[in-house]
Amino acid sequence: MKFFVDTADTNDIRELAETGLLDGVTTNPSLIHKSGRDFLEVVREICSITPGPVSAEVVALDHAGMMREAEILRKLADNVAVKVPLTIDGLKTCKALTDDGTMVNVTLCFSANQALLAAKAGATFVSPFVGRHDDIGFDGMGLISDIRLIYDNYDFATEILVASVRHPIHVLESAKMGADVMTAPASVIRALVKHPLTDKGIEGFMADWAKSGQTIA
């Protein structure tokens, strides 16, 4: 499973890129606003940090407007994936862009039927939001299972990009279901490495090493 980080914080992106864990980046208008920086400047910088796909979202709601904005975004770097909403105009834009060789991430997916439409429109990625689904009493991971089944039934090439990931269990369950990608805040990715027995083991090793009086030199 590929790991994307969901942020516009270039410091976090650089740090994760150095670990070799980072396969791409997703952004959205809210994350860009939180960064306090110019949108195009941030996207361009992120694209220079990672060679993987960098999702940059249009803000227009009509097809013509989305295409105008997409033209600007895809000129920023070769690894830009234009992010469009799961609406009729978004799907129309997805079809036009993918036919022209541009990566497209269809976002704000909340049903398997919507994911089916995104695949039929040729999306590179579809982003089902599991955390937001959970928030209103639905089973976010059940949605991923349904999409995986449908995509496998018809051999769709669209990659399932699990979004709105809130905690390590979302990552684990996504991997078990065969999701292609997950995107999460840097804090969630860092949390994956944590385990109390690892910490305890390190503590014990260090205590014994200190008693040995040795150094590695």
Protein backbone atom coordinates (compact mmCIF):
# COMPACT_ATOMS: atom_id res chain seq x y z
CA MET A 1 0.00 0.00 0.00
CA LYS A 2 1.25 3.45 -0.90
CA PHE A 3 1.51 6.11 1.79
CA PHE A 4 0.53 9.70 1.01
CA VAL A 5 0.64 12.46 3.62
CA ASP A 6 -2.34 14.78 3.83
CA THR A 7 -0.82 18.18 4.51
CA ALA A 8 0.51 21.42 3.06
CA ASP A 9 3.29 21.62 5.67
CA THR A 10 6.49 21.29 3.65
CA ASN A 11 8.57 20.59 6.76
CA ASP A 12 6.50 17.49 7.53
CA ILE A 13 6.71 16.42 3.91
CA ARG A 14 10.49 16.74 3.81
CA GLU A 15 10.89 14.80 7.05
CA LEU A 16 8.69 11.93 5.86
CA ALA A 17 10.34 11.90 2.43
CA GLU A 18 13.70 11.31 4.13
CA THR A 19 12.35 8.13 5.77
CA GLY A 20 11.52 6.55 2.43
CA LEU A 21 7.91 6.06 3.59
CA LEU A 22 6.36 8.77 1.44
CA ASP A 23 4.85 7.92 -1.94
CA GLY A 24 2.88 11.12 -2.53
CA VAL A 25 1.01 14.06 -1.03
CA THR A 26 -2.61 15.20 -0.90
CA THR A 27 -3.69 18.77 -0.24
CA ASN A 28 -7.01 20.60 -0.16
CA PRO A 29 -8.15 24.21 0.22
CA SER A 30 -8.44 23.87 4.00
CA LEU A 31 -4.86 22.59 4.35
CA ILE A 32 -3.53 25.35 2.09
CA HIS A 33 -5.40 27.95 4.17
CA LYS A 34 -3.89 26.47 7.34
CA SER A 35 -0.38 26.86 5.88
CA GLY A 36 -0.92 30.60 5.40
CA ARG A 37 1.01 30.49 2.13
CA ASP A 38 0.29 31.09 -1.54
CA PHE A 39 -1.48 28.10 -3.06
CA LEU A 40 0.53 27.76 -6.27
CA GLU A 41 3.80 28.38 -4.45
CA VAL A 42 3.08 25.62 -1.94
CA VAL A 43 2.06 23.09 -4.58
CA ARG A 44 5.15 23.83 -6.65
CA GLU A 45 7.41 23.35 -3.62
CA ILE A 46 5.70 20.10 -2.60
CA CYS A 47 6.14 18.74 -6.12
CA SER A 48 9.87 19.45 -5.88
CA ILE A 49 10.17 17.48 -2.63
CA THR A 50 8.51 14.25 -3.73
CA PRO A 51 8.45 12.65 -7.19
CA GLY A 52 5.15 10.95 -6.33
CA PRO A 53 1.67 12.28 -7.14
CA VAL A 54 0.74 15.57 -5.49
CA SER A 55 -3.01 16.21 -5.40
CA ALA A 56 -3.92 19.87 -5.93
CA GLU A 57 -7.61 20.71 -5.80
CA VAL A 58 -9.63 22.95 -8.08
CA VAL A 59 -12.09 25.32 -6.40
CA ALA A 60 -14.39 26.02 -9.34
CA LEU A 61 -17.66 24.09 -9.29
CA ASP A 62 -18.48 24.18 -13.01
CA HIS A 63 -16.75 22.14 -15.71
CA ALA A 64 -15.39 25.10 -17.65
CA GLY A 65 -13.99 26.67 -14.49
CA MET A 66 -12.44 23.40 -13.37
CA MET A 67 -10.74 22.99 -16.72
CA ARG A 68 -9.31 26.52 -16.57
CA GLU A 69 -7.91 25.91 -13.09
CA ALA A 70 -6.67 22.43 -14.00
CA GLU A 71 -4.69 23.91 -16.88
CA ILE A 72 -2.82 26.13 -14.41
CA LEU A 73 -2.27 23.33 -11.90
CA ARG A 74 -0.95 20.73 -14.28
CA LYS A 75 1.64 23.17 -15.61
CA LEU A 76 3.21 23.46 -12.15
CA ALA A 77 4.91 20.05 -12.34
CA ASP A 78 4.65 16.70 -14.07
CA ASN A 79 3.58 14.96 -10.84
CA VAL A 80 0.49 17.09 -10.16
CA ALA A 81 -2.74 15.13 -9.82
CA VAL A 82 -5.68 17.46 -10.34
CA LYS A 83 -8.23 16.96 -7.58
CA VAL A 84 -11.90 17.36 -8.50
CA PRO A 85 -15.10 16.86 -6.48
CA LEU A 86 -17.39 13.90 -7.06
CA THR A 87 -20.09 15.81 -8.93
CA ILE A 88 -21.32 15.59 -12.51
CA ASP A 89 -19.10 18.51 -13.49
CA GLY A 90 -16.21 16.94 -11.59
CA LEU A 91 -16.64 13.65 -13.41
CA LYS A 92 -16.87 15.43 -16.76
CA THR A 93 -13.64 17.24 -15.92
CA CYS A 94 -12.05 13.96 -14.83
CA LYS A 95 -12.85 12.35 -18.17
CA ALA A 96 -11.45 15.28 -20.15
CA LEU A 97 -8.25 15.47 -18.13
CA THR A 98 -7.51 11.74 -18.05
CA ASP A 99 -8.11 11.52 -21.80
CA ASP A 100 -5.41 14.19 -22.08
CA GLY A 101 -2.95 12.24 -19.93
CA THR A 102 -3.36 14.11 -16.63
CA MET A 103 -3.62 12.31 -13.29
CA VAL A 104 -6.95 12.99 -11.56
CA ASN A 105 -7.98 12.41 -7.95
CA VAL A 106 -11.78 12.38 -7.56
CA THR A 107 -12.44 13.43 -3.99
CA LEU A 108 -15.27 13.60 -1.45
CA CYS A 109 -16.48 10.09 -2.20
CA PHE A 110 -18.97 8.74 0.33
CA SER A 111 -20.63 5.81 -1.46
CA ALA A 112 -19.64 2.80 -3.53
CA ASN A 113 -21.90 4.02 -6.33
CA GLN A 114 -19.95 7.28 -6.44
CA ALA A 115 -16.70 5.32 -6.59
CA LEU A 116 -18.09 3.29 -9.48
CA LEU A 117 -18.80 6.52 -11.38
CA ALA A 118 -15.29 7.82 -10.71
CA ALA A 119 -13.76 4.64 -12.12
CA LYS A 120 -15.96 4.79 -15.20
CA ALA A 121 -14.83 8.41 -15.73
CA GLY A 122 -11.23 7.18 -15.74
CA ALA A 123 -10.04 8.59 -12.42
CA THR A 124 -6.47 7.82 -11.45
CA PHE A 125 -7.50 7.88 -7.78
CA VAL A 126 -10.81 7.93 -5.94
CA SER A 127 -10.78 9.29 -2.37
CA PRO A 128 -13.41 7.76 -0.07
CA PHE A 129 -13.50 9.60 3.27
CA VAL A 130 -13.61 6.97 6.00
CA GLY A 131 -13.30 9.22 9.06
CA ARG A 132 -16.08 11.56 8.04
CA HIS A 133 -18.20 8.51 7.27
CA ASP A 134 -17.60 7.18 10.77
CA ASP A 135 -18.49 10.60 12.23
CA ILE A 136 -22.10 10.31 11.14
CA GLY A 137 -22.61 6.71 12.22
CA PHE A 138 -21.70 4.85 9.04
CA ASP A 139 -18.97 2.23 8.61
CA GLY A 140 -16.14 3.94 6.77
CA MET A 141 -14.14 0.75 6.37
CA GLY A 142 -17.19 -1.06 5.05
CA LEU A 143 -17.20 1.50 2.24
CA ILE A 144 -13.61 0.58 1.35
CA SER A 145 -14.52 -3.11 1.30
CA ASP A 146 -17.44 -2.45 -1.07
CA ILE A 147 -15.32 -0.36 -3.43
CA ARG A 148 -12.55 -2.96 -3.48
CA LEU A 149 -15.06 -5.68 -4.41
CA ILE A 150 -16.61 -3.61 -7.21
CA TYR A 151 -13.28 -2.55 -8.65
CA ASP A 152 -12.00 -6.12 -8.61
CA ASN A 153 -15.19 -7.37 -10.24
CA TYR A 154 -14.56 -5.18 -13.28
CA ASP A 155 -10.78 -4.84 -13.17
CA PHE A 156 -10.93 -1.04 -12.90
CA ALA A 157 -7.52 0.64 -12.92
CA THR A 158 -8.62 3.46 -10.59
CA GLU A 159 -6.69 3.30 -7.31
CA ILE A 160 -8.57 3.41 -4.00
CA LEU A 161 -7.03 6.25 -2.00
CA VAL A 162 -8.36 5.98 1.55
CA ALA A 163 -8.81 9.52 2.91
CA SER A 164 -9.94 11.15 6.14
CA VAL A 165 -7.75 8.65 7.99
CA ARG A 166 -7.93 9.42 11.70
CA HIS A 167 -5.85 6.73 13.42
CA PRO A 168 -3.59 3.70 12.85
CA ILE A 169 -6.53 1.24 12.84
CA HIS A 170 -7.84 2.93 9.68
CA VAL A 171 -4.44 2.29 8.07
CA LEU A 172 -4.34 -1.34 9.20
CA GLU A 173 -7.86 -2.14 8.03
CA SER A 174 -7.25 -0.40 4.69
CA ALA A 175 -4.15 -2.50 4.10
CA LYS A 176 -5.98 -5.71 5.02
CA MET A 177 -8.72 -4.88 2.51
CA GLY A 178 -6.22 -4.23 -0.26
CA ALA A 179 -6.63 -0.47 -0.62
CA ASP A 180 -4.05 0.90 -3.04
CA VAL A 181 -3.19 4.09 -1.17
CA MET A 182 -3.93 5.76 2.14
CA THR A 183 -3.46 9.43 2.93
CA ALA A 184 -3.17 10.62 6.51
CA PRO A 185 -1.82 13.51 8.55
CA ALA A 186 1.85 13.26 9.43
CA SER A 187 0.90 12.58 13.07
CA VAL A 188 -0.98 9.40 12.11
CA ILE A 189 1.91 8.13 9.99
CA ARG A 190 4.34 8.74 12.84
CA ALA A 191 2.00 6.95 15.24
CA LEU A 192 2.31 3.75 13.18
CA VAL A 193 5.83 3.20 14.51
CA LYS A 194 4.78 3.44 18.14
CA HIS A 195 4.43 0.36 20.33
CA PRO A 196 4.93 0.13 24.10
CA LEU A 197 6.94 -3.09 23.81
CA THR A 198 9.32 -1.45 21.33
CA ASP A 199 9.84 1.41 23.78
CA LYS A 200 10.32 -1.04 26.66
CA GLY A 201 12.78 -3.10 24.64
CA ILE A 202 14.88 -0.04 23.78
CA GLU A 203 14.85 1.07 27.41
CA GLY A 204 16.10 -2.36 28.53
CA PHE A 205 18.82 -2.55 25.87
CA MET A 206 20.07 0.93 26.72
CA ALA A 207 20.18 0.17 30.44
CA ASP A 208 22.20 -3.00 29.84
CA TRP A 209 24.51 -1.22 27.41
CA ALA A 210 25.19 1.53 29.96
CA LYS A 211 26.15 -1.13 32.51
CA SER A 212 28.59 -2.69 30.06
CA GLY A 213 30.68 0.49 29.97
CA GLN A 214 31.34 0.02 26.27
CA THR A 215 31.12 2.36 23.28
CA ILE A 216 30.85 1.78 19.55
CA ALA A 217 33.81 3.59 18.08
